[in-house]
């Protein structure tokens, strides 16, 4: 509501100034980002203006931003950001272009209005393009104030008896396949992206096959995170060995439901539909996803009451079958464990839980629909929960610890596998073999790409350790990830700069975390001369400290002193200035 009021105030003058303007509130769009989505559209004879909601981001607008419709483009002519101060005052100012992160000193940015050349009256929809690959691109913004027609027909009933119980499953090694299609507003289809999996041991848990199918080799069930649209809120699906899953998403219907572009509720089965042996459970997993997010605002002492209320809702949901209700209960208890153990990590609760005996999850094989890692192992031990789930988690933890070492380029001897359960041998050995081959390849080559072992130090000591091992040179640390667009943009832009500096006492040090997939990482570093480190997650987090964003750049002079740093990719000149300054010291 506050954002809408801001736009109303911001555009009031414009509305009065030109009676011929057409105003569309909450225009429907085909694809975008919920944190930066169109909220108001003004079509005038002199300009087209779009107001975007901006959820507190520190941000700057690219000067090449434009609207596109087919092959025609409409250039940007101006932009303003609207800020709300602590006292509630709203002020506007010109939006910074190409200036790095927009400062926050003047209040929280609530919204942005951007003016463009007037759009042709015959155009039905436009794309807002900040730049290719930007998080803030928004596609298919309708100019007529209408929603897109549904792409999915009304779903039929699931083929299970209403009183059929939820069966237990056994963890096993095998393959699970997930296929997803996303229907766009123009009638075309694209493919869903799988962002990550809860219990990854190797870097290749998710293999991209035939453009739209993902295969998972696993020893238990997994929760894969799928994104409906680029950079957008994720939903989870189960991937259980031996079973195939498929889903279809009506992308514009999804956006209309979450942004209010549709003036009435959209049935869930018109947004997403699942197929496969566990399609009914997938539907529950999707329907109940908001409860997990809502619990982040619940105080520890109110957590159990919130869970009971949600369980009551599921039990009284007339649309759910018995197996859906039993699975829904497990899902809510899973969310409870995630939040409760999070409180315990922050010393807001003890792992010894007075409600542990009331839970059904962690007690039998039905838990393996959701349990796919060892996150709750300490909770199980603290509350004396024994059985097949605890045994499996203990084995997974051993395998996971070994896999972490391998992912950070430590090759294991064959005898090391005797210390982990046989169930995990195949996957961890494959990871070990691929890592050995990669390490041997780079160390035998004559190129300037050097794979470095993780130093024996804390994350906070990493810079000093590397600096001490590289005396008398200027070091340029680049903290990056293969999946980070701005990181890759910066690496590409600095290639000519590195060639210009050839022969000078300058060395690049590339640092990433183990979550950059090995195949992607290996491919990228082949053209990145320098020292390369892959750090464990805990070491990486300590290295970043409070500045969680990437890319980050740090420059050390030849005397081992830090002489410059930068958060986020700005331009080549800023990096060049820091390095040239360090050379003069």
Protein backbone atom coordinates (compact mmCIF):
# COMPACT_ATOMS: atom_id res chain seq x y z
CA UNK A 1 0.00 0.00 0.00
CA UNK A 2 2.81 2.42 0.84
CA UNK A 3 4.40 1.84 -2.54
CA UNK A 4 1.13 2.50 -4.35
CA UNK A 5 0.67 5.72 -2.39
CA UNK A 6 4.14 6.80 -3.37
CA UNK A 7 3.36 6.30 -7.01
CA UNK A 8 0.02 8.07 -6.67
CA UNK A 9 1.75 11.08 -5.17
CA UNK A 10 4.61 10.96 -7.64
CA UNK A 11 2.43 10.87 -10.71
CA UNK A 12 -0.46 13.09 -9.57
CA UNK A 13 0.97 16.14 -11.29
CA UNK A 14 1.45 14.23 -14.50
CA UNK A 15 -2.13 12.97 -14.44
CA UNK A 16 -3.51 16.51 -14.11
CA UNK A 17 -1.21 17.90 -16.77
CA UNK A 18 -2.38 15.72 -19.60
CA UNK A 19 -5.94 14.45 -19.86
CA UNK A 20 -5.06 12.25 -22.84
CA UNK A 21 -2.79 10.02 -20.81
CA UNK A 22 -3.81 6.41 -20.23
CA UNK A 23 -2.97 5.04 -16.79
CA UNK A 24 -2.72 1.32 -16.05
CA UNK A 25 -2.34 0.25 -12.42
CA UNK A 26 -0.60 -3.07 -11.76
CA UNK A 27 -0.07 -3.99 -15.43
CA UNK A 28 0.25 -7.69 -16.19
CA UNK A 29 3.63 -8.90 -17.43
CA UNK A 30 5.07 -12.17 -18.64
CA UNK A 31 8.37 -12.42 -16.78
CA UNK A 32 10.46 -10.39 -14.39
CA UNK A 33 11.53 -9.95 -10.79
CA UNK A 34 9.15 -9.53 -7.86
CA UNK A 35 11.58 -7.13 -6.16
CA UNK A 36 11.57 -4.87 -9.21
CA UNK A 37 8.29 -5.15 -11.04
CA UNK A 38 6.04 -2.64 -12.88
CA UNK A 39 3.34 -1.14 -10.67
CA UNK A 40 2.07 1.83 -12.72
CA UNK A 41 2.08 2.49 -16.44
CA UNK A 42 1.36 5.90 -18.03
CA UNK A 43 0.90 6.09 -21.81
CA UNK A 44 1.08 9.67 -23.03
CA UNK A 45 1.61 11.47 -26.30
CA UNK A 46 4.96 12.93 -25.18
CA UNK A 47 6.33 9.97 -23.21
CA UNK A 48 5.69 6.55 -21.75
CA UNK A 49 6.37 6.25 -18.02
CA UNK A 50 6.65 3.07 -15.97
CA UNK A 51 6.74 3.07 -12.19
CA UNK A 52 8.59 0.10 -10.65
CA UNK A 53 8.43 -1.18 -7.10
CA UNK A 54 11.93 -1.32 -5.62
CA UNK A 55 12.29 -3.33 -2.43
CA UNK A 56 15.07 -1.50 -0.62
CA UNK A 57 17.79 -2.31 -3.12
CA UNK A 58 20.94 -0.25 -3.43
CA UNK A 59 20.94 0.09 -7.15
CA UNK A 60 21.83 2.25 -10.14
CA UNK A 61 20.16 2.33 -13.52
CA UNK A 62 22.10 1.45 -16.64
CA UNK A 63 22.17 4.37 -19.08
CA UNK A 64 21.31 2.04 -21.98
CA UNK A 65 18.00 1.00 -20.42
CA UNK A 66 15.15 1.02 -22.91
CA UNK A 67 11.80 -0.45 -23.89
CA UNK A 68 11.61 -2.99 -26.68
CA UNK A 69 8.65 -4.14 -28.77
CA UNK A 70 9.59 -6.54 -31.53
CA UNK A 71 12.53 -5.02 -33.34
CA UNK A 72 11.70 -1.48 -32.29
CA UNK A 73 13.23 0.17 -29.22
CA UNK A 74 12.25 3.23 -27.20
CA UNK A 75 15.10 4.96 -25.43
CA UNK A 76 15.03 6.17 -21.84
CA UNK A 77 14.68 9.93 -21.40
CA UNK A 78 14.82 10.27 -17.61
CA UNK A 79 14.40 8.52 -14.27
CA UNK A 80 13.67 9.34 -10.63
CA UNK A 81 13.93 7.38 -7.41
CA UNK A 82 11.46 7.95 -4.56
CA UNK A 83 12.68 7.51 -1.00
CA UNK A 84 10.95 7.22 2.33
CA UNK A 85 12.82 8.62 5.33
CA UNK A 86 12.43 7.32 8.86
CA UNK A 87 9.91 10.05 9.61
CA UNK A 88 7.75 8.91 6.68
CA UNK A 89 8.67 11.80 4.39
CA UNK A 90 8.85 10.89 0.71
CA UNK A 91 11.33 12.68 -1.52
CA UNK A 92 12.31 12.21 -5.14
CA UNK A 93 15.66 12.69 -6.83
CA UNK A 94 17.24 11.94 -10.16
CA UNK A 95 18.33 8.34 -10.39
CA UNK A 96 22.05 7.74 -10.67
CA UNK A 97 23.12 6.17 -13.97
CA UNK A 98 26.01 3.69 -14.20
CA UNK A 99 27.28 4.78 -10.82
CA UNK A 100 27.68 1.55 -8.89
CA UNK A 101 25.38 0.93 -5.97
CA UNK A 102 22.93 3.73 -5.31
CA UNK A 103 23.58 5.19 -1.83
CA UNK A 104 21.07 4.68 0.97
CA UNK A 105 21.87 7.72 3.12
CA UNK A 106 18.75 9.60 2.05
CA UNK A 107 16.26 6.92 3.03
CA UNK A 108 15.04 3.60 1.75
CA UNK A 109 14.33 3.57 -2.02
CA UNK A 110 10.65 2.62 -2.42
CA UNK A 111 10.05 3.06 -6.11
CA UNK A 112 11.47 4.24 -9.40
CA UNK A 113 9.76 6.06 -12.27
CA UNK A 114 11.39 5.86 -15.69
CA UNK A 115 10.42 7.94 -18.73
CA UNK A 116 10.81 6.63 -22.27
CA UNK A 117 10.05 7.82 -25.76
CA UNK A 118 6.29 7.44 -26.44
CA UNK A 119 5.34 3.91 -27.42
CA UNK A 120 3.49 3.32 -30.68
CA UNK A 121 -0.28 3.09 -29.92
CA UNK A 122 -0.47 -0.15 -31.92
CA UNK A 123 1.96 -1.94 -29.59
CA UNK A 124 0.28 -4.41 -27.21
CA UNK A 125 3.20 -5.19 -24.87
CA UNK A 126 6.75 -4.00 -24.23
CA UNK A 127 9.89 -5.36 -22.58
CA UNK A 128 11.89 -3.27 -20.13
CA UNK A 129 15.55 -4.05 -20.75
CA UNK A 130 18.12 -2.59 -18.38
CA UNK A 131 20.81 -4.59 -20.12
CA UNK A 132 21.17 -8.15 -21.39
CA UNK A 133 21.13 -10.56 -18.47
CA UNK A 134 20.16 -7.96 -15.86
CA UNK A 135 18.25 -9.06 -12.78
CA UNK A 136 15.84 -6.18 -13.38
CA UNK A 137 14.65 -6.89 -16.92
CA UNK A 138 10.86 -7.19 -17.17
CA UNK A 139 9.25 -8.84 -20.19
CA UNK A 140 5.82 -8.65 -21.79
CA UNK A 141 4.39 -5.65 -19.90
CA UNK A 142 0.84 -5.36 -21.26
CA UNK A 143 -0.32 -1.89 -22.25
CA UNK A 144 -4.06 -2.61 -22.34
CA UNK A 145 -4.61 -3.28 -18.63
CA UNK A 146 -5.71 -6.88 -19.25
CA UNK A 147 -4.22 -10.17 -18.02
CA UNK A 148 -2.85 -12.92 -20.20
CA UNK A 149 -5.24 -15.81 -20.93
CA UNK A 150 -4.58 -19.06 -19.07
CA UNK A 151 -2.20 -21.49 -20.78
CA UNK A 152 -3.11 -24.48 -18.57
CA UNK A 153 -6.45 -26.24 -18.68
CA UNK A 154 -8.20 -27.01 -15.39
CA UNK A 155 -6.44 -29.99 -13.78
CA UNK A 156 -8.12 -33.35 -13.20
CA UNK A 157 -8.16 -35.38 -9.98
CA UNK A 158 -5.18 -37.34 -8.68
CA UNK A 159 -5.50 -41.15 -9.08
CA UNK A 160 -5.52 -42.04 -5.38
CA UNK A 161 -8.30 -43.12 -3.06
CA UNK A 162 -9.28 -40.44 -0.55
CA UNK A 163 -8.42 -42.69 2.43
CA UNK A 164 -5.15 -44.12 1.05
CA UNK A 165 -2.30 -43.60 3.59
CA UNK A 166 1.10 -42.15 2.78
CA UNK A 167 3.58 -45.04 2.31
CA UNK A 168 7.13 -45.05 3.67
CA UNK A 169 10.05 -45.05 1.22
CA UNK A 170 13.58 -46.37 1.60
CA UNK A 171 16.66 -44.33 0.72
CA UNK A 172 18.46 -45.83 -2.23
CA UNK A 173 20.97 -44.90 -4.88
CA UNK A 174 19.43 -44.23 -8.28
CA UNK A 175 18.25 -41.61 -10.70
CA UNK A 176 15.37 -39.18 -10.48
CA UNK A 177 14.31 -37.06 -13.41
CA UNK A 178 12.61 -33.69 -13.27
CA UNK A 179 11.19 -32.04 -16.37
CA UNK A 180 9.57 -28.63 -16.38
CA UNK A 181 7.94 -26.47 -19.02
CA UNK A 182 7.10 -22.82 -18.59
CA UNK A 183 4.45 -21.26 -20.80
CA UNK A 184 5.12 -17.63 -21.67
CA UNK A 185 2.65 -14.92 -22.49
CA UNK A 186 3.36 -15.10 -26.23
CA UNK A 187 2.38 -18.78 -26.33
CA UNK A 188 5.93 -20.12 -26.52
CA UNK A 189 7.54 -22.49 -24.01
CA UNK A 190 10.80 -22.24 -22.17
CA UNK A 191 12.41 -24.49 -19.60
CA UNK A 192 12.62 -24.18 -15.85
CA UNK A 193 15.94 -23.66 -14.12
CA UNK A 194 16.99 -25.86 -11.22
CA UNK A 195 18.97 -23.61 -8.90
CA UNK A 196 20.24 -26.05 -6.31
CA UNK A 197 19.59 -29.10 -4.20
CA UNK A 198 19.56 -29.41 -0.42
CA UNK A 199 21.93 -32.34 -0.06
CA UNK A 200 24.45 -32.02 -2.83
CA UNK A 201 27.51 -34.22 -2.38
CA UNK A 202 29.06 -33.74 -5.80
CA UNK A 203 28.95 -30.75 -8.10
CA UNK A 204 27.04 -32.75 -10.70
CA UNK A 205 23.94 -33.73 -8.78
CA UNK A 206 21.84 -31.91 -11.33
CA UNK A 207 22.70 -32.80 -14.91
CA UNK A 208 21.24 -30.78 -17.77
CA UNK A 209 19.90 -33.21 -20.36
CA UNK A 210 18.04 -32.51 -23.59
CA UNK A 211 17.47 -28.84 -22.68
CA UNK A 212 14.64 -29.41 -20.23
CA UNK A 213 15.29 -32.53 -18.17
CA UNK A 214 17.33 -32.79 -15.01
CA UNK A 215 18.66 -36.11 -13.75
CA UNK A 216 19.69 -36.69 -10.17
CA UNK A 217 21.84 -39.55 -8.86
CA UNK A 218 21.07 -39.88 -5.19
CA UNK A 219 20.85 -41.99 -2.08
CA UNK A 220 17.62 -40.46 -0.79
CA UNK A 221 15.02 -37.87 -1.65
CA UNK A 222 16.05 -34.32 -2.47
CA UNK A 223 14.38 -30.96 -2.47
CA UNK A 224 15.34 -29.22 -5.69
CA UNK A 225 14.77 -25.49 -5.96
CA UNK A 226 13.17 -24.44 -9.23
CA UNK A 227 12.71 -20.88 -10.47
CA UNK A 228 9.64 -19.95 -12.46
CA UNK A 229 11.33 -16.88 -13.85
CA UNK A 230 14.81 -15.39 -13.91
CA UNK A 231 16.06 -14.35 -10.47
CA UNK A 232 12.65 -14.91 -8.91
CA UNK A 233 11.19 -16.61 -5.88
CA UNK A 234 11.80 -20.33 -5.96
CA UNK A 235 9.51 -23.24 -5.27
CA UNK A 236 10.59 -26.72 -4.25
CA UNK A 237 9.99 -30.08 -5.84
CA UNK A 238 10.89 -33.55 -4.61
CA UNK A 239 13.29 -35.69 -6.61
CA UNK A 240 13.07 -39.29 -5.43
CA UNK A 241 15.32 -42.01 -6.95
CA UNK A 242 13.48 -44.26 -9.37
CA UNK A 243 10.71 -41.78 -10.17
CA UNK A 244 10.18 -39.16 -12.85
CA UNK A 245 8.46 -35.85 -12.20
CA UNK A 246 7.06 -33.27 -14.56
CA UNK A 247 5.49 -29.87 -14.02
CA UNK A 248 4.02 -27.14 -16.19
CA UNK A 249 3.84 -23.47 -15.23
CA UNK A 250 1.77 -20.63 -16.63
CA UNK A 251 4.26 -17.83 -16.03
CA UNK A 252 2.00 -14.79 -16.62
CA UNK A 253 -0.65 -16.34 -14.36
CA UNK A 254 1.97 -16.69 -11.64
CA UNK A 255 2.98 -13.04 -11.93
CA UNK A 256 -0.62 -11.86 -12.03
CA UNK A 257 -1.34 -13.78 -8.83
CA UNK A 258 1.61 -12.41 -6.83
CA UNK A 259 1.45 -8.80 -8.06
CA UNK A 260 -2.31 -8.30 -8.02
CA UNK A 261 -2.56 -7.75 -11.76
CA UNK A 262 -5.50 -10.15 -11.65
CA UNK A 263 -8.35 -8.56 -9.75
CA UNK A 264 -9.56 -11.94 -8.46
CA UNK A 265 -7.72 -15.00 -7.06
CA UNK A 266 -6.25 -17.37 -9.64
CA UNK A 267 -6.75 -21.10 -8.92
CA UNK A 268 -3.47 -22.83 -8.13
CA UNK A 269 -3.98 -25.44 -10.84
CA UNK A 270 -4.09 -22.65 -13.43
CA UNK A 271 -0.63 -21.51 -12.29
CA UNK A 272 1.18 -24.83 -11.89
CA UNK A 273 0.39 -28.51 -12.47
CA UNK A 274 2.40 -31.61 -11.57
CA UNK A 275 2.56 -35.06 -13.12
CA UNK A 276 4.11 -38.29 -11.80
CA UNK A 277 3.76 -40.76 -8.96
CA UNK A 278 3.96 -38.03 -6.32
CA UNK A 279 2.13 -35.26 -8.17
CA UNK A 280 -0.38 -34.90 -5.34
CA UNK A 281 2.42 -34.44 -2.81
CA UNK A 282 4.18 -31.96 -5.06
CA UNK A 283 0.98 -29.92 -5.11
CA UNK A 284 0.92 -29.81 -1.30
CA UNK A 285 4.58 -28.81 -1.26
CA UNK A 286 3.78 -25.91 -3.56
CA UNK A 287 0.55 -24.87 -1.80
CA UNK A 288 2.14 -24.78 1.65
CA UNK A 289 5.37 -23.01 0.67
CA UNK A 290 4.38 -19.68 2.21
CA UNK A 291 4.27 -21.11 5.72
CA UNK A 292 8.04 -21.59 5.79
CA UNK A 293 8.58 -17.94 4.85
CA UNK A 294 6.04 -16.71 7.40
CA UNK A 295 7.86 -18.41 10.26
CA UNK A 296 10.88 -16.15 9.92
CA UNK A 297 8.85 -13.43 11.63
CA UNK A 298 7.60 -15.70 14.43
CA UNK A 299 9.18 -15.35 17.89
CA UNK A 300 10.69 -18.58 19.32
CA UNK A 301 8.07 -18.84 22.05
CA UNK A 302 5.26 -18.57 19.46
CA UNK A 303 6.71 -21.06 16.96
CA UNK A 304 4.90 -24.17 18.20
CA UNK A 305 1.55 -22.38 18.31
CA UNK A 306 2.05 -21.26 14.70
CA UNK A 307 2.76 -24.85 13.71
CA UNK A 308 -0.37 -26.13 15.43
CA UNK A 309 -2.53 -23.59 13.62
CA UNK A 310 -1.08 -24.59 10.27
CA UNK A 311 -1.51 -28.31 11.02
CA UNK A 312 -5.13 -27.64 11.91
CA UNK A 313 -5.65 -25.92 8.54
CA UNK A 314 -4.15 -28.86 6.68
CA UNK A 315 -6.20 -31.41 8.62
CA UNK A 316 -9.39 -29.50 7.77
CA UNK A 317 -8.53 -28.91 4.12
CA UNK A 318 -11.37 -30.69 2.30
CA UNK A 319 -9.44 -30.70 -0.97
CA UNK A 320 -6.65 -32.85 0.47
CA UNK A 321 -6.73 -36.65 0.53
CA UNK A 322 -5.44 -38.61 3.51
CA UNK A 323 -1.98 -39.05 1.99
CA UNK A 324 -1.84 -35.35 1.16
CA UNK A 325 -2.74 -34.46 4.74
CA UNK A 326 -0.12 -36.84 6.15
CA UNK A 327 2.50 -35.42 3.81
CA UNK A 328 1.37 -31.87 4.63
CA UNK A 329 1.91 -32.60 8.31
CA UNK A 330 5.45 -33.82 7.60
CA UNK A 331 6.14 -30.74 5.49
CA UNK A 332 5.01 -28.35 8.25
CA UNK A 333 7.07 -30.27 10.82
CA UNK A 334 10.05 -30.10 8.45
CA UNK A 335 9.64 -26.32 8.29
CA UNK A 336 9.36 -26.23 12.07
CA UNK A 337 12.64 -28.13 12.45
CA UNK A 338 14.38 -25.75 10.05
CA UNK A 339 13.30 -22.73 12.06
CA UNK A 340 13.78 -24.33 15.47
CA UNK A 341 17.34 -25.46 14.69
CA UNK A 342 18.01 -21.99 13.29
CA UNK A 343 16.92 -20.51 16.63
CA UNK A 344 19.22 -22.97 18.40
CA UNK A 345 22.18 -21.82 16.30
CA UNK A 346 21.45 -18.24 17.40
CA UNK A 347 21.10 -19.31 21.07
CA UNK A 348 17.40 -18.41 21.04
CA UNK A 349 16.47 -22.00 21.84
CA UNK A 350 18.14 -25.19 23.03
CA UNK A 351 18.39 -28.26 20.81
CA UNK A 352 16.59 -30.18 23.54
CA UNK A 353 13.00 -29.64 22.39
CA UNK A 354 10.03 -30.26 24.67
CA UNK A 355 7.88 -30.93 21.59
CA UNK A 356 10.20 -33.46 19.94
CA UNK A 357 8.07 -36.45 20.98
CA UNK A 358 5.01 -34.91 19.33
CA UNK A 359 6.63 -34.83 15.89
CA UNK A 360 6.15 -37.54 13.29
CA UNK A 361 9.05 -36.47 11.11
CA UNK A 362 12.43 -38.16 11.78
CA UNK A 363 10.56 -41.18 13.17
CA UNK A 364 10.05 -43.43 10.11
CA UNK A 365 10.62 -43.88 6.38
CA UNK A 366 7.95 -41.36 5.39
CA UNK A 367 10.48 -38.71 6.43
CA UNK A 368 12.58 -39.50 3.36
CA UNK A 369 10.14 -37.60 1.17
CA UNK A 370 11.72 -34.48 2.69
CA UNK A 371 14.89 -35.46 4.56
CA UNK A 372 17.87 -35.51 2.22
CA UNK A 373 20.77 -34.21 4.29
CA UNK A 374 22.13 -34.17 7.82
CA UNK A 375 20.83 -30.75 8.88
CA UNK A 376 18.73 -32.22 11.70
CA UNK A 377 21.26 -34.75 12.97
CA UNK A 378 22.26 -32.74 16.05
CA UNK A 379 18.58 -32.19 16.85
CA UNK A 380 17.97 -35.95 16.61
CA UNK A 381 20.89 -36.68 18.92
CA UNK A 382 19.87 -34.02 21.46
CA UNK A 383 16.34 -35.44 21.63
CA UNK A 384 17.40 -39.13 21.58
CA UNK A 385 15.64 -39.85 18.28
CA UNK A 386 17.03 -43.13 16.94
CA UNK A 387 16.09 -45.19 13.91
CA UNK A 388 16.51 -45.37 10.16
CA UNK A 389 16.41 -41.61 9.60
CA UNK A 390 19.07 -40.81 12.20
CA UNK A 391 21.27 -43.65 10.92
CA UNK A 392 21.02 -42.35 7.37
CA UNK A 393 21.82 -38.78 8.42
CA UNK A 394 24.93 -39.97 10.28
CA UNK A 395 26.16 -41.71 7.13
CA UNK A 396 25.38 -38.72 4.96
CA UNK A 397 27.31 -36.39 7.26
CA UNK A 398 30.43 -38.53 6.91
CA UNK A 399 30.07 -38.60 3.13
CA UNK A 400 29.36 -34.87 2.99
CA UNK A 401 32.47 -33.98 4.98
CA UNK A 402 34.60 -36.02 2.61
CA UNK A 403 32.91 -34.49 -0.44
CA UNK A 404 33.60 -30.97 0.86
CA UNK A 405 37.31 -31.72 1.01
CA UNK A 406 37.26 -33.16 -2.50
CA UNK A 407 35.34 -30.19 -3.91
CA UNK A 408 38.10 -27.98 -2.56
CA UNK A 409 40.63 -29.94 -4.67
CA UNK A 410 41.85 -32.44 -2.05
CA UNK A 411 42.09 -35.84 -3.77
CA UNK A 412 41.31 -38.81 -1.47
CA UNK A 413 43.20 -42.14 -1.42
CA UNK A 414 41.14 -45.29 -2.08
CA UNK A 415 41.37 -46.40 1.55
CA UNK A 416 39.55 -43.25 2.70
CA UNK A 417 36.21 -44.55 1.42
CA UNK A 418 36.12 -47.25 4.08
CA UNK A 419 35.08 -44.51 6.51
CA UNK A 420 31.77 -43.71 4.76
CA UNK A 421 28.70 -45.93 4.17
CA UNK A 422 28.75 -47.96 0.97
CA UNK A 423 25.57 -46.26 -0.23
CA UNK A 424 27.57 -43.08 -0.91
CA UNK A 425 30.68 -44.71 -2.41
CA UNK A 426 29.63 -44.43 -6.04
CA UNK A 427 28.91 -40.73 -6.02
CA UNK A 428 31.81 -39.62 -3.85
CA UNK A 429 34.26 -41.79 -5.80
CA UNK A 430 33.05 -40.26 -9.07
CA UNK A 431 33.63 -36.81 -7.57
CA UNK A 432 37.09 -37.86 -6.40
CA UNK A 433 38.05 -39.26 -9.83
CA UNK A 434 36.88 -36.17 -11.70
CA UNK A 435 38.71 -33.90 -9.26
CA UNK A 436 41.92 -35.93 -9.62
CA UNK A 437 41.73 -35.69 -13.41
CA UNK A 438 41.13 -31.93 -13.29
CA UNK A 439 43.98 -31.28 -10.87
CA UNK A 440 46.42 -33.42 -12.88
CA UNK A 441 45.40 -31.70 -16.11
CA UNK A 442 46.07 -28.19 -14.87
CA UNK A 443 49.24 -29.00 -12.96
CA UNK A 444 50.71 -30.74 -16.01
CA UNK A 445 49.88 -27.92 -18.41
CA UNK A 446 52.15 -24.99 -19.14
CA UNK A 447 49.46 -22.33 -18.98
CA UNK A 448 49.28 -19.66 -16.30
CA UNK A 449 46.23 -21.12 -14.55
CA UNK A 450 47.31 -22.46 -11.16
CA UNK A 451 45.02 -24.49 -8.88
CA UNK A 452 45.83 -23.76 -5.26
CA UNK A 453 45.17 -25.85 -2.18
CA UNK A 454 43.00 -24.36 0.54
CA UNK A 455 45.41 -22.75 3.03
CA UNK A 456 45.42 -23.99 6.60
CA UNK A 457 44.00 -20.87 8.19
CA UNK A 458 40.74 -19.23 9.20
CA UNK A 459 38.74 -17.35 6.60
CA UNK A 460 39.59 -14.06 8.30
CA UNK A 461 43.29 -14.85 7.81
CA UNK A 462 43.04 -15.88 4.16
CA UNK A 463 44.17 -12.60 2.60
CA UNK A 464 47.19 -12.27 4.86
CA UNK A 465 48.16 -15.89 4.21
CA UNK A 466 48.07 -15.51 0.42
CA UNK A 467 49.82 -12.13 0.55
CA UNK A 468 52.67 -13.62 2.62
CA UNK A 469 53.13 -16.37 0.03
CA UNK A 470 53.33 -13.86 -2.86
CA UNK A 471 55.86 -11.15 -1.89
CA UNK A 472 56.95 -8.21 -4.04
CA UNK A 473 53.92 -8.25 -6.34
CA UNK A 474 50.65 -6.37 -6.50
CA UNK A 475 47.83 -8.80 -5.79
CA UNK A 476 44.34 -8.32 -7.23
CA UNK A 477 41.83 -10.52 -5.39
CA UNK A 478 38.64 -11.24 -7.33
CA UNK A 479 35.88 -12.89 -5.23
CA UNK A 480 33.48 -14.42 -7.71
CA UNK A 481 31.17 -17.32 -8.61
CA UNK A 482 30.33 -19.00 -11.89
CA UNK A 483 26.62 -18.25 -11.45
CA UNK A 484 27.16 -14.53 -10.72
CA UNK A 485 26.42 -12.40 -13.81
CA UNK A 486 28.24 -9.22 -12.65
CA UNK A 487 31.23 -11.37 -11.65
CA UNK A 488 31.51 -12.83 -15.13
CA UNK A 489 30.98 -9.39 -16.65
CA UNK A 490 33.92 -8.04 -14.67
CA UNK A 491 36.20 -10.98 -15.50
CA UNK A 492 35.50 -10.56 -19.21
CA UNK A 493 35.99 -6.79 -19.11
CA UNK A 494 39.38 -7.10 -17.38
CA UNK A 495 40.95 -9.46 -19.92
CA UNK A 496 42.37 -6.59 -22.09
CA UNK A 497 43.63 -4.94 -18.91
CA UNK A 498 45.55 -8.08 -17.92
CA UNK A 499 47.13 -8.20 -21.38
CA UNK A 500 48.14 -4.56 -21.01
CA UNK A 501 49.85 -5.38 -17.69
CA UNK A 502 51.73 -8.42 -19.01
CA UNK A 503 55.28 -8.48 -17.64
CA UNK A 504 54.52 -6.16 -14.73
CA UNK A 505 54.58 -7.36 -11.08
CA UNK A 506 50.82 -7.93 -10.90
CA UNK A 507 49.12 -11.21 -10.02
CA UNK A 508 45.41 -12.01 -10.07
CA UNK A 509 43.96 -14.23 -7.34
CA UNK A 510 40.52 -15.68 -8.07
CA UNK A 511 38.58 -16.93 -5.06
CA UNK A 512 35.27 -18.75 -5.15
CA UNK A 513 33.20 -21.07 -2.99
CA UNK A 514 32.55 -24.76 -3.48
CA UNK A 515 29.01 -24.02 -4.70
CA UNK A 516 30.34 -22.99 -8.13
CA UNK A 517 29.77 -26.27 -10.03
CA UNK A 518 33.04 -28.00 -10.87
CA UNK A 519 32.29 -28.32 -14.59
CA UNK A 520 31.36 -24.64 -14.90
CA UNK A 521 34.32 -23.58 -12.78
CA UNK A 522 36.78 -25.70 -14.78
CA UNK A 523 35.48 -24.30 -18.06
CA UNK A 524 35.69 -20.67 -16.94
CA UNK A 525 39.14 -20.71 -15.33
CA UNK A 526 40.74 -22.17 -18.47
CA UNK A 527 40.86 -18.61 -19.84
CA UNK A 528 41.61 -16.90 -16.51
CA UNK A 529 45.37 -16.82 -15.85
CA UNK A 530 46.09 -16.46 -12.14
CA UNK A 531 45.89 -18.28 -8.82
CA UNK A 532 42.60 -20.09 -8.22
CA UNK A 533 41.13 -21.05 -4.84
CA UNK A 534 37.91 -22.96 -4.08
CA UNK A 535 37.04 -22.43 -0.43
CA UNK A 536 34.70 -24.41 1.84
CA UNK A 537 31.44 -22.66 2.62
CA UNK A 538 32.26 -21.78 6.23
CA UNK A 539 35.66 -20.36 5.28
CA UNK A 540 34.10 -18.38 2.42
CA UNK A 541 31.44 -16.90 4.70
CA UNK A 542 34.05 -15.83 7.23
CA UNK A 543 36.13 -14.29 4.45
CA UNK A 544 33.19 -12.21 3.21
CA UNK A 545 32.16 -11.13 6.69
CA UNK A 546 29.26 -8.69 6.70
CA UNK A 547 29.80 -7.75 3.05
CA UNK A 548 27.96 -10.73 1.61
CA UNK A 549 27.72 -9.54 -1.99
CA UNK A 550 29.90 -10.52 -4.92
CA UNK A 551 31.87 -9.65 -6.89
CA UNK A 552 34.32 -8.11 -4.46
CA UNK A 553 37.76 -6.81 -5.35
CA UNK A 554 40.76 -6.22 -3.08
CA UNK A 555 44.12 -4.82 -4.13
CA UNK A 556 47.33 -5.27 -2.10
CA UNK A 557 50.53 -3.37 -2.89
CA UNK A 558 54.00 -4.92 -3.13
CA UNK A 559 54.59 -4.31 0.58
CA UNK A 560 51.62 -6.47 1.56
CA UNK A 561 49.29 -3.61 2.48
CA UNK A 562 45.70 -3.38 1.31
CA UNK A 563 45.50 -0.31 -0.90
CA UNK A 564 42.01 -0.56 -2.37
CA UNK A 565 38.73 -2.47 -2.40
CA UNK A 566 35.45 -2.45 -4.27
CA UNK A 567 32.07 -4.13 -3.79
CA UNK A 568 30.23 -4.87 -7.01
CA UNK A 569 31.35 -4.45 -10.60
CA UNK A 570 31.66 -0.83 -11.65
CA UNK A 571 33.96 -0.46 -14.62
CA UNK A 572 37.49 -1.23 -15.77
CA UNK A 573 38.78 2.24 -14.92
CA UNK A 574 38.04 1.87 -11.21
CA UNK A 575 40.06 -1.38 -11.00
CA UNK A 576 42.85 0.06 -13.16
CA UNK A 577 43.13 3.11 -10.91
CA UNK A 578 43.47 0.96 -7.77
CA UNK A 579 46.15 -1.23 -9.33
CA UNK A 580 48.15 1.62 -10.83
CA UNK A 581 48.05 3.38 -7.46
CA UNK A 582 49.30 0.22 -5.71
CA UNK A 583 52.21 -0.06 -8.19
CA UNK A 584 53.42 3.41 -7.24
CA UNK A 585 53.70 2.58 -3.53
